[in-house]
Amino acid sequence: MTPRPRRDDSTATTHPAPTARASAGGFATSLSPAARAALTDAGTRQRYPAGTPLFHQGDPSRHVVLIEKGWVKVTSTSRRGWEALLAIRGPGDILGELSAVDGRPRLATVTGLSPVEATVLTAERLHTCLTEWPEIALSLLRHLAASLREADGRRVEYGSSNGDNRLVVLLVELLDKHGVATPEGILLDLPLSQQDLAGAVGTSREVVARTLRVLRDRRIVLTRRLRIVVVEPELLRSLAGSVSMSTQHP
């Protein structure tokens, strides 16, 4: 793990949602330099300020976005207004590939958590790259297969653990992928609100706030607005791996 610095705090409800996973850039990691260059040459370079939506749930657009720098969150909103944080994606990840393949509207909204630099390809140019470069097509298939396995794993995890346990596991994942060493401890370098965290693990903001309060009382974390610092990373890992963190009232 290579740590990296930023923020935590905010609101939600109590409907189930998939646990978000911070991505490791699975799509692009297996591409050769030549294949990656073919993709970027087929698209146009775009920059998005932090907080900018790259596309919205329900949009009819079909382009794909290949992230070069920065991080985004992928969210989906139910008819009742519950927003689930489905994933966190970063450098090397591809976004919007399902709409590019099947031509149907976007399933989720993608919003920059930080400034983002990306290559944007039309569906037609992506199809050309898939036809001319079998390794790009194979990498996309692996990416889609990994997403399906991840979704299946979430269902199992969701049925066998509490929201507070899932939150601790998520904090460890964010620690491993976004941790930055500071004098106070390891800072989680993503500006995720308590509402984002609740949506990521399918629980209420109340459970998130209560669990963070327990972790603060045990001096495992420090929290401020949009900011979490892990003071005792090994103790947090131990909790994620073995100890029940249930804060639910009997």
C-alpha atoms as a PDB file:
ATOM      1  CA  MET A   1       0.000   0.000   0.000  1.00  0.00           C
ATOM      2  CA  THR A   2       1.204   3.486  -0.763  1.00  0.00           C
ATOM      3  CA  PRO A   3      -0.520   6.089   1.330  1.00  0.00           C
ATOM      4  CA  ARG A   4      -1.634   9.511  -0.270  1.00  0.00           C
ATOM      5  CA  PRO A   5      -4.213  13.614   1.957  1.00  0.00           C
ATOM      6  CA  ARG A   6      -8.104  14.834   2.668  1.00  0.00           C
ATOM      7  CA  ARG A   7     -11.667  14.769   4.535  1.00  0.00           C
ATOM      8  CA  ASP A   8     -15.533  13.234   6.395  1.00  0.00           C
ATOM      9  CA  ASP A   9     -19.184  14.123   7.514  1.00  0.00           C
ATOM     10  CA  SER A  10     -23.069  14.635   6.484  1.00  0.00           C
ATOM     11  CA  THR A  11     -27.057  12.465   5.865  1.00  0.00           C
ATOM     12  CA  ALA A  12     -29.200   9.300   4.621  1.00  0.00           C
ATOM     13  CA  THR A  13     -31.976   6.704   5.327  1.00  0.00           C
ATOM     14  CA  THR A  14     -32.155   2.984   5.949  1.00  0.00           C
ATOM     15  CA  HIS A  15     -32.510   1.091   2.685  1.00  0.00           C
ATOM     16  CA  PRO A  16     -30.007  -1.563   1.608  1.00  0.00           C
ATOM     17  CA  ALA A  17     -27.250  -0.670  -0.836  1.00  0.00           C
ATOM     18  CA  PRO A  18     -24.181  -2.421  -2.224  1.00  0.00           C
ATOM     19  CA  THR A  19     -20.875  -1.953  -0.419  1.00  0.00           C
ATOM     20  CA  ALA A  20     -18.611   0.340  -2.450  1.00  0.00           C
ATOM     21  CA  ARG A  21     -15.173  -0.852  -3.401  1.00  0.00           C
ATOM     22  CA  ALA A  22     -12.206   1.356  -4.189  1.00  0.00           C
ATOM     23  CA  SER A  23     -10.920   0.290  -7.575  1.00  0.00           C
ATOM     24  CA  ALA A  24      -7.379  -0.654  -8.527  1.00  0.00           C
ATOM     25  CA  GLY A  25      -7.699   0.360 -12.178  1.00  0.00           C
ATOM     26  CA  GLY A  26      -8.481  -3.183 -13.307  1.00  0.00           C
ATOM     27  CA  PHE A  27      -9.405  -2.358 -16.897  1.00  0.00           C
ATOM     28  CA  ALA A  28      -6.158  -0.691 -17.950  1.00  0.00           C
ATOM     29  CA  THR A  29      -3.656  -2.666 -15.880  1.00  0.00           C
ATOM     30  CA  SER A  30      -3.507  -5.574 -18.339  1.00  0.00           C
ATOM     31  CA  LEU A  31      -3.217  -3.409 -21.468  1.00  0.00           C
ATOM     32  CA  SER A  32       0.075  -3.104 -23.328  1.00  0.00           C
ATOM     33  CA  PRO A  33       1.421   0.431 -23.871  1.00  0.00           C
ATOM     34  CA  ALA A  34       0.430   0.164 -27.549  1.00  0.00           C
ATOM     35  CA  ALA A  35      -3.167  -0.827 -26.741  1.00  0.00           C
ATOM     36  CA  ARG A  36      -3.485   1.919 -24.158  1.00  0.00           C
ATOM     37  CA  ALA A  37      -2.131   4.439 -26.675  1.00  0.00           C
ATOM     38  CA  ALA A  38      -4.686   3.229 -29.238  1.00  0.00           C
ATOM     39  CA  LEU A  39      -7.481   3.972 -26.780  1.00  0.00           C
ATOM     40  CA  THR A  40      -6.249   7.413 -25.790  1.00  0.00           C
ATOM     41  CA  ASP A  41      -5.521   8.336 -29.425  1.00  0.00           C
ATOM     42  CA  ALA A  42      -9.117   7.406 -30.314  1.00  0.00           C
ATOM     43  CA  GLY A  43     -10.556   9.769 -27.721  1.00  0.00           C
ATOM     44  CA  THR A  44     -10.296  13.344 -26.537  1.00  0.00           C
ATOM     45  CA  ARG A  45      -8.718  14.580 -23.316  1.00  0.00           C
ATOM     46  CA  GLN A  46     -11.067  16.189 -20.788  1.00  0.00           C
ATOM     47  CA  ARG A  47     -10.593  17.823 -17.379  1.00  0.00           C
ATOM     48  CA  TYR A  48     -13.331  17.931 -14.743  1.00  0.00           C
ATOM     49  CA  PRO A  49     -13.175  20.041 -11.546  1.00  0.00           C
ATOM     50  CA  ALA A  50     -13.898  18.263  -8.251  1.00  0.00           C
ATOM     51  CA  GLY A  51     -17.635  17.854  -7.704  1.00  0.00           C
ATOM     52  CA  THR A  52     -18.450  17.841 -11.428  1.00  0.00           C
ATOM     53  CA  PRO A  53     -20.797  15.077 -12.702  1.00  0.00           C
ATOM     54  CA  LEU A  54     -19.225  13.166 -15.603  1.00  0.00           C
ATOM     55  CA  PHE A  55     -22.661  11.802 -16.483  1.00  0.00           C
ATOM     56  CA  HIS A  56     -26.034  11.320 -14.798  1.00  0.00           C
ATOM     57  CA  GLN A  57     -28.232   8.318 -14.057  1.00  0.00           C
ATOM     58  CA  GLY A  58     -30.817   7.984 -16.835  1.00  0.00           C
ATOM     59  CA  ASP A  59     -28.752   9.883 -19.425  1.00  0.00           C
ATOM     60  CA  PRO A  60     -29.082   8.488 -22.976  1.00  0.00           C
ATOM     61  CA  SER A  61     -25.399   9.231 -23.732  1.00  0.00           C
ATOM     62  CA  ARG A  62     -23.160   6.345 -24.839  1.00  0.00           C
ATOM     63  CA  HIS A  63     -19.581   7.620 -24.547  1.00  0.00           C
ATOM     64  CA  VAL A  64     -17.063   6.032 -22.175  1.00  0.00           C
ATOM     65  CA  VAL A  65     -14.603   7.720 -19.861  1.00  0.00           C
ATOM     66  CA  LEU A  66     -11.118   6.324 -19.169  1.00  0.00           C
ATOM     67  CA  ILE A  67      -9.747   7.936 -16.005  1.00  0.00           C
ATOM     68  CA  GLU A  68      -6.121   9.070 -16.205  1.00  0.00           C
ATOM     69  CA  LYS A  69      -5.891  11.042 -12.939  1.00  0.00           C
ATOM     70  CA  GLY A  70      -8.238  11.637 -10.020  1.00  0.00           C
ATOM     71  CA  TRP A  71     -11.074   9.776  -8.312  1.00  0.00           C
ATOM     72  CA  VAL A  72     -14.842   9.607  -8.786  1.00  0.00           C
ATOM     73  CA  LYS A  73     -17.803   8.148  -6.954  1.00  0.00           C
ATOM     74  CA  VAL A  74     -20.477   6.107  -8.705  1.00  0.00           C
ATOM     75  CA  THR A  75     -23.951   6.540  -7.198  1.00  0.00           C
ATOM     76  CA  SER A  76     -27.462   5.355  -7.989  1.00  0.00           C
ATOM     77  CA  THR A  77     -30.699   6.860  -6.665  1.00  0.00           C
ATOM     78  CA  SER A  78     -33.833   4.796  -6.077  1.00  0.00           C
ATOM     79  CA  ARG A  79     -37.351   5.975  -6.883  1.00  0.00           C
ATOM     80  CA  ARG A  80     -37.785   6.827  -3.195  1.00  0.00           C
ATOM     81  CA  GLY A  81     -34.705   9.025  -3.207  1.00  0.00           C
ATOM     82  CA  TRP A  82     -32.231   6.696  -1.453  1.00  0.00           C
ATOM     83  CA  GLU A  83     -28.751   7.278  -2.892  1.00  0.00           C
ATOM     84  CA  ALA A  84     -26.396   4.299  -2.871  1.00  0.00           C
ATOM     85  CA  LEU A  85     -22.655   4.702  -3.294  1.00  0.00           C
ATOM     86  CA  LEU A  86     -21.898   1.831  -5.663  1.00  0.00           C
ATOM     87  CA  ALA A  87     -18.183   2.291  -6.230  1.00  0.00           C
ATOM     88  CA  ILE A  88     -15.140   4.519  -6.086  1.00  0.00           C
ATOM     89  CA  ARG A  89     -13.125   4.534  -9.299  1.00  0.00           C
ATOM     90  CA  GLY A  90      -9.749   5.981 -10.191  1.00  0.00           C
ATOM     91  CA  PRO A  91      -6.788   5.936 -12.592  1.00  0.00           C
ATOM     92  CA  GLY A  92      -7.016   3.155 -15.172  1.00  0.00           C
ATOM     93  CA  ASP A  93     -10.749   2.572 -14.712  1.00  0.00           C
ATOM     94  CA  ILE A  94     -13.309   2.764 -17.498  1.00  0.00           C
ATOM     95  CA  LEU A  95     -16.759   4.261 -16.884  1.00  0.00           C
ATOM     96  CA  GLY A  96     -19.974   4.047 -18.889  1.00  0.00           C
ATOM     97  CA  GLU A  97     -19.061   0.869 -20.764  1.00  0.00           C
ATOM     98  CA  LEU A  98     -22.485  -0.780 -20.320  1.00  0.00           C
ATOM     99  CA  SER A  99     -24.334   2.027 -22.124  1.00  0.00           C
ATOM    100  CA  ALA A 100     -21.675   2.008 -24.841  1.00  0.00           C
ATOM    101  CA  VAL A 101     -22.255  -1.713 -25.389  1.00  0.00           C
ATOM    102  CA  ASP A 102     -26.048  -2.038 -25.075  1.00  0.00           C
ATOM    103  CA  GLY A 103     -27.168   1.505 -25.947  1.00  0.00           C
ATOM    104  CA  ARG A 104     -29.405   1.788 -22.875  1.00  0.00           C
ATOM    105  CA  PRO A 105     -29.523   4.788 -20.452  1.00  0.00           C
ATOM    106  CA  ARG A 106     -26.963   5.240 -17.695  1.00  0.00           C
ATOM    107  CA  LEU A 107     -27.530   3.131 -14.582  1.00  0.00           C
ATOM    108  CA  ALA A 108     -25.652   5.513 -12.287  1.00  0.00           C
ATOM    109  CA  THR A 109     -24.318   9.018 -11.787  1.00  0.00           C
ATOM    110  CA  VAL A 110     -20.527   9.541 -11.762  1.00  0.00           C
ATOM    111  CA  THR A 111     -19.172  12.554  -9.856  1.00  0.00           C
ATOM    112  CA  GLY A 112     -15.602  13.720  -9.327  1.00  0.00           C
ATOM    113  CA  LEU A 113     -14.300  13.413  -5.769  1.00  0.00           C
ATOM    114  CA  SER A 114     -11.177  15.286  -6.875  1.00  0.00           C
ATOM    115  CA  PRO A 115     -10.099  17.038 -10.073  1.00  0.00           C
ATOM    116  CA  VAL A 116     -10.216  14.421 -12.840  1.00  0.00           C
ATOM    117  CA  GLU A 117      -8.277  14.078 -16.075  1.00  0.00           C
ATOM    118  CA  ALA A 118      -9.740  11.551 -18.501  1.00  0.00           C
ATOM    119  CA  THR A 119      -9.946  10.345 -22.071  1.00  0.00           C
ATOM    120  CA  VAL A 120     -13.473  10.358 -23.508  1.00  0.00           C
ATOM    121  CA  LEU A 121     -14.354   7.993 -26.363  1.00  0.00           C
ATOM    122  CA  THR A 122     -17.572   7.785 -28.340  1.00  0.00           C
ATOM    123  CA  ALA A 123     -19.243   4.367 -28.410  1.00  0.00           C
ATOM    124  CA  GLU A 124     -18.358   4.055 -32.102  1.00  0.00           C
ATOM    125  CA  ARG A 125     -14.658   4.646 -31.467  1.00  0.00           C
ATOM    126  CA  LEU A 126     -14.676   2.210 -28.572  1.00  0.00           C
ATOM    127  CA  HIS A 127     -16.274  -0.433 -30.825  1.00  0.00           C
ATOM    128  CA  THR A 128     -13.543   0.152 -33.405  1.00  0.00           C
ATOM    129  CA  CYS A 129     -10.837  -0.318 -30.754  1.00  0.00           C
ATOM    130  CA  LEU A 130     -12.503  -3.522 -29.526  1.00  0.00           C
ATOM    131  CA  THR A 131     -12.587  -4.889 -33.064  1.00  0.00           C
ATOM    132  CA  GLU A 132      -9.012  -3.955 -33.946  1.00  0.00           C
ATOM    133  CA  TRP A 133      -7.413  -4.769 -30.593  1.00  0.00           C
ATOM    134  CA  PRO A 134      -8.444  -8.173 -29.146  1.00  0.00           C
ATOM    135  CA  GLU A 135      -6.493  -7.451 -25.955  1.00  0.00           C
ATOM    136  CA  ILE A 136      -8.685  -4.393 -25.307  1.00  0.00           C
ATOM    137  CA  ALA A 137     -11.792  -6.521 -25.803  1.00  0.00           C
ATOM    138  CA  LEU A 138     -10.385  -9.187 -23.461  1.00  0.00           C
ATOM    139  CA  SER A 139      -9.518  -6.597 -20.825  1.00  0.00           C
ATOM    140  CA  LEU A 140     -13.057  -5.202 -21.001  1.00  0.00           C
ATOM    141  CA  LEU A 141     -14.484  -8.722 -20.588  1.00  0.00           C
ATOM    142  CA  ARG A 142     -12.267  -9.270 -17.537  1.00  0.00           C
ATOM    143  CA  HIS A 143     -13.409  -5.937 -16.145  1.00  0.00           C
ATOM    144  CA  LEU A 144     -17.096  -6.862 -16.587  1.00  0.00           C
ATOM    145  CA  ALA A 145     -16.510 -10.323 -15.075  1.00  0.00           C
ATOM    146  CA  ALA A 146     -14.769  -8.770 -12.067  1.00  0.00           C
ATOM    147  CA  SER A 147     -17.700  -6.403 -11.586  1.00  0.00           C
ATOM    148  CA  LEU A 148     -20.154  -9.329 -11.595  1.00  0.00           C
ATOM    149  CA  ARG A 149     -18.058 -11.269  -9.082  1.00  0.00           C
ATOM    150  CA  GLU A 150     -17.816  -8.170  -6.899  1.00  0.00           C
ATOM    151  CA  ALA A 151     -21.590  -7.729  -6.976  1.00  0.00           C
ATOM    152  CA  ASP A 152     -22.111 -11.396  -6.011  1.00  0.00           C
ATOM    153  CA  GLY A 153     -19.610 -11.046  -3.178  1.00  0.00           C
ATOM    154  CA  ARG A 154     -21.463  -7.978  -1.914  1.00  0.00           C
ATOM    155  CA  ARG A 155     -24.725  -9.917  -1.727  1.00  0.00           C
ATOM    156  CA  VAL A 156     -23.094 -12.584   0.445  1.00  0.00           C
ATOM    157  CA  GLU A 157     -21.391  -9.984   2.645  1.00  0.00           C
ATOM    158  CA  TYR A 158     -24.566  -7.954   2.900  1.00  0.00           C
ATOM    159  CA  GLY A 159     -26.547 -10.917   4.177  1.00  0.00           C
ATOM    160  CA  SER A 160     -23.968 -11.991   6.757  1.00  0.00           C
ATOM    161  CA  SER A 161     -22.897  -8.763   8.501  1.00  0.00           C
ATOM    162  CA  ASN A 162     -24.265  -5.615  10.132  1.00  0.00           C
ATOM    163  CA  GLY A 163     -23.939  -2.090   8.747  1.00  0.00           C
ATOM    164  CA  ASP A 164     -21.375  -1.174  11.396  1.00  0.00           C
ATOM    165  CA  ASN A 165     -19.225  -4.205  10.555  1.00  0.00           C
ATOM    166  CA  ARG A 166     -19.415  -3.347   6.854  1.00  0.00           C
ATOM    167  CA  LEU A 167     -18.402   0.236   7.627  1.00  0.00           C
ATOM    168  CA  VAL A 168     -15.252  -0.918   9.447  1.00  0.00           C
ATOM    169  CA  VAL A 169     -14.345  -3.165   6.497  1.00  0.00           C
ATOM    170  CA  LEU A 170     -14.873  -0.247   4.113  1.00  0.00           C
ATOM    171  CA  LEU A 171     -12.669   2.028   6.245  1.00  0.00           C
ATOM    172  CA  VAL A 172      -9.862  -0.542   6.040  1.00  0.00           C
ATOM    173  CA  GLU A 173     -10.224  -0.694   2.245  1.00  0.00           C
ATOM    174  CA  LEU A 174     -10.079   3.104   2.034  1.00  0.00           C
ATOM    175  CA  LEU A 175      -7.073   3.066   4.363  1.00  0.00           C
ATOM    176  CA  ASP A 176      -5.210   0.671   2.059  1.00  0.00           C
ATOM    177  CA  LYS A 177      -5.992   2.535  -1.150  1.00  0.00           C
ATOM    178  CA  HIS A 178      -6.234   6.169  -0.045  1.00  0.00           C
ATOM    179  CA  GLY A 179      -4.251   6.453   3.166  1.00  0.00           C
ATOM    180  CA  VAL A 180      -1.795   9.339   3.579  1.00  0.00           C
ATOM    181  CA  ALA A 181       0.608   9.518   6.489  1.00  0.00           C
ATOM    182  CA  THR A 182       0.151  12.645   8.641  1.00  0.00           C
ATOM    183  CA  PRO A 183       1.396  13.603  12.123  1.00  0.00           C
ATOM    184  CA  GLU A 184      -2.038  12.627  13.519  1.00  0.00           C
ATOM    185  CA  GLY A 185      -2.263   9.242  11.795  1.00  0.00           C
ATOM    186  CA  ILE A 186      -3.311   7.899   8.379  1.00  0.00           C
ATOM    187  CA  LEU A 187      -5.620  10.325   6.600  1.00  0.00           C
ATOM    188  CA  LEU A 188      -8.244   8.835   4.244  1.00  0.00           C
ATOM    189  CA  ASP A 189      -7.720  10.976   1.148  1.00  0.00           C
ATOM    190  CA  LEU A 190     -11.289  11.065  -0.161  1.00  0.00           C
ATOM    191  CA  PRO A 191     -13.939  13.671   0.760  1.00  0.00           C
ATOM    192  CA  LEU A 192     -16.701  11.188   1.650  1.00  0.00           C
ATOM    193  CA  SER A 193     -19.603  12.374   3.790  1.00  0.00           C
ATOM    194  CA  GLN A 194     -21.369  10.262   6.386  1.00  0.00           C
ATOM    195  CA  GLN A 195     -24.208  10.010   3.881  1.00  0.00           C
ATOM    196  CA  ASP A 196     -21.753   8.629   1.294  1.00  0.00           C
ATOM    197  CA  LEU A 197     -20.468   6.087   3.818  1.00  0.00           C
ATOM    198  CA  ALA A 198     -24.019   5.070   4.756  1.00  0.00           C
ATOM    199  CA  GLY A 199     -24.910   4.622   1.089  1.00  0.00           C
ATOM    200  CA  ALA A 200     -21.757   2.571   0.552  1.00  0.00           C
ATOM    201  CA  VAL A 201     -22.567  -0.008   3.205  1.00  0.00           C
ATOM    202  CA  GLY A 202     -26.366  -0.009   3.021  1.00  0.00           C
ATOM    203  CA  THR A 203     -27.185   1.418   6.405  1.00  0.00           C
ATOM    204  CA  SER A 204     -28.453   4.674   7.910  1.00  0.00           C
ATOM    205  CA  ARG A 205     -26.434   7.775   8.603  1.00  0.00           C
ATOM    206  CA  GLU A 206     -27.335   7.258  12.263  1.00  0.00           C
ATOM    207  CA  VAL A 207     -25.525   3.897  12.322  1.00  0.00           C
ATOM    208  CA  VAL A 208     -22.499   5.454  10.594  1.00  0.00           C
ATOM    209  CA  ALA A 209     -22.393   8.332  13.108  1.00  0.00           C
ATOM    210  CA  ARG A 210     -22.750   5.906  16.032  1.00  0.00           C
ATOM    211  CA  THR A 211     -20.036   3.580  14.750  1.00  0.00           C
ATOM    212  CA  LEU A 212     -17.636   6.462  14.142  1.00  0.00           C
ATOM    213  CA  ARG A 213     -18.372   7.711  17.655  1.00  0.00           C
ATOM    214  CA  VAL A 214     -17.435   4.286  19.090  1.00  0.00           C
ATOM    215  CA  LEU A 215     -14.205   4.313  17.043  1.00  0.00           C
ATOM    216  CA  ARG A 216     -13.448   7.849  18.254  1.00  0.00           C
ATOM    217  CA  ASP A 217     -14.095   6.903  21.883  1.00  0.00           C
ATOM    218  CA  ARG A 218     -11.626   4.034  21.503  1.00  0.00           C
ATOM    219  CA  ARG A 219      -9.098   6.455  19.964  1.00  0.00           C
ATOM    220  CA  ILE A 220      -8.992   4.366  16.779  1.00  0.00           C
ATOM    221  CA  VAL A 221      -9.998   7.266  14.513  1.00  0.00           C
ATOM    222  CA  LEU A 222     -10.331  11.043  14.552  1.00  0.00           C
ATOM    223  CA  THR A 223     -13.167  12.636  12.567  1.00  0.00           C
ATOM    224  CA  ARG A 224     -13.830  16.115  11.287  1.00  0.00           C
ATOM    225  CA  ARG A 225     -16.015  17.421   8.491  1.00  0.00           C
ATOM    226  CA  LEU A 226     -15.376  15.248   5.397  1.00  0.00           C
ATOM    227  CA  ARG A 227     -12.226  13.961   7.061  1.00  0.00           C
ATOM    228  CA  ILE A 228     -11.256  10.711   8.797  1.00  0.00           C
ATOM    229  CA  VAL A 229      -7.823  10.049  10.304  1.00  0.00           C
ATOM    230  CA  VAL A 230      -7.032   6.491  11.384  1.00  0.00           C
ATOM    231  CA  VAL A 231      -4.914   6.689  14.525  1.00  0.00           C
ATOM    232  CA  GLU A 232      -4.669   2.921  15.142  1.00  0.00           C
ATOM    233  CA  PRO A 233      -4.658   1.216  11.715  1.00  0.00           C
ATOM    234  CA  GLU A 234      -3.750  -2.255  13.002  1.00  0.00           C
ATOM    235  CA  LEU A 235      -6.522  -2.167  15.589  1.00  0.00           C
ATOM    236  CA  LEU A 236      -8.970  -1.135  12.856  1.00  0.00           C
ATOM    237  CA  ARG A 237      -7.799  -4.090  10.736  1.00  0.00           C
ATOM    238  CA  SER A 238      -8.273  -6.410  13.701  1.00  0.00           C
ATOM    239  CA  LEU A 239     -11.827  -5.166  14.179  1.00  0.00           C
ATOM    240  CA  ALA A 240     -12.563  -5.639  10.482  1.00  0.00           C
ATOM    241  CA  GLY A 241     -11.205  -9.183  10.527  1.00  0.00           C
ATOM    242  CA  SER A 242     -12.514 -10.643  13.719  1.00  0.00           C
ATOM    243  CA  VAL A 243     -14.146  -8.510  16.405  1.00  0.00           C
ATOM    244  CA  SER A 244     -17.887  -7.706  16.336  1.00  0.00           C
ATOM    245  CA  MET A 245     -18.365  -3.960  16.060  1.00  0.00           C
ATOM    246  CA  SER A 246     -22.138  -4.035  16.523  1.00  0.00           C
ATOM    247  CA  THR A 247     -23.404  -0.763  17.966  1.00  0.00           C
ATOM    248  CA  GLN A 248     -27.069  -1.640  17.486  1.00  0.00           C
ATOM    249  CA  HIS A 249     -29.234  -1.392  20.577  1.00  0.00           C
ATOM    250  CA  PRO A 250     -30.696  -4.736  21.718  1.00  0.00           C
END
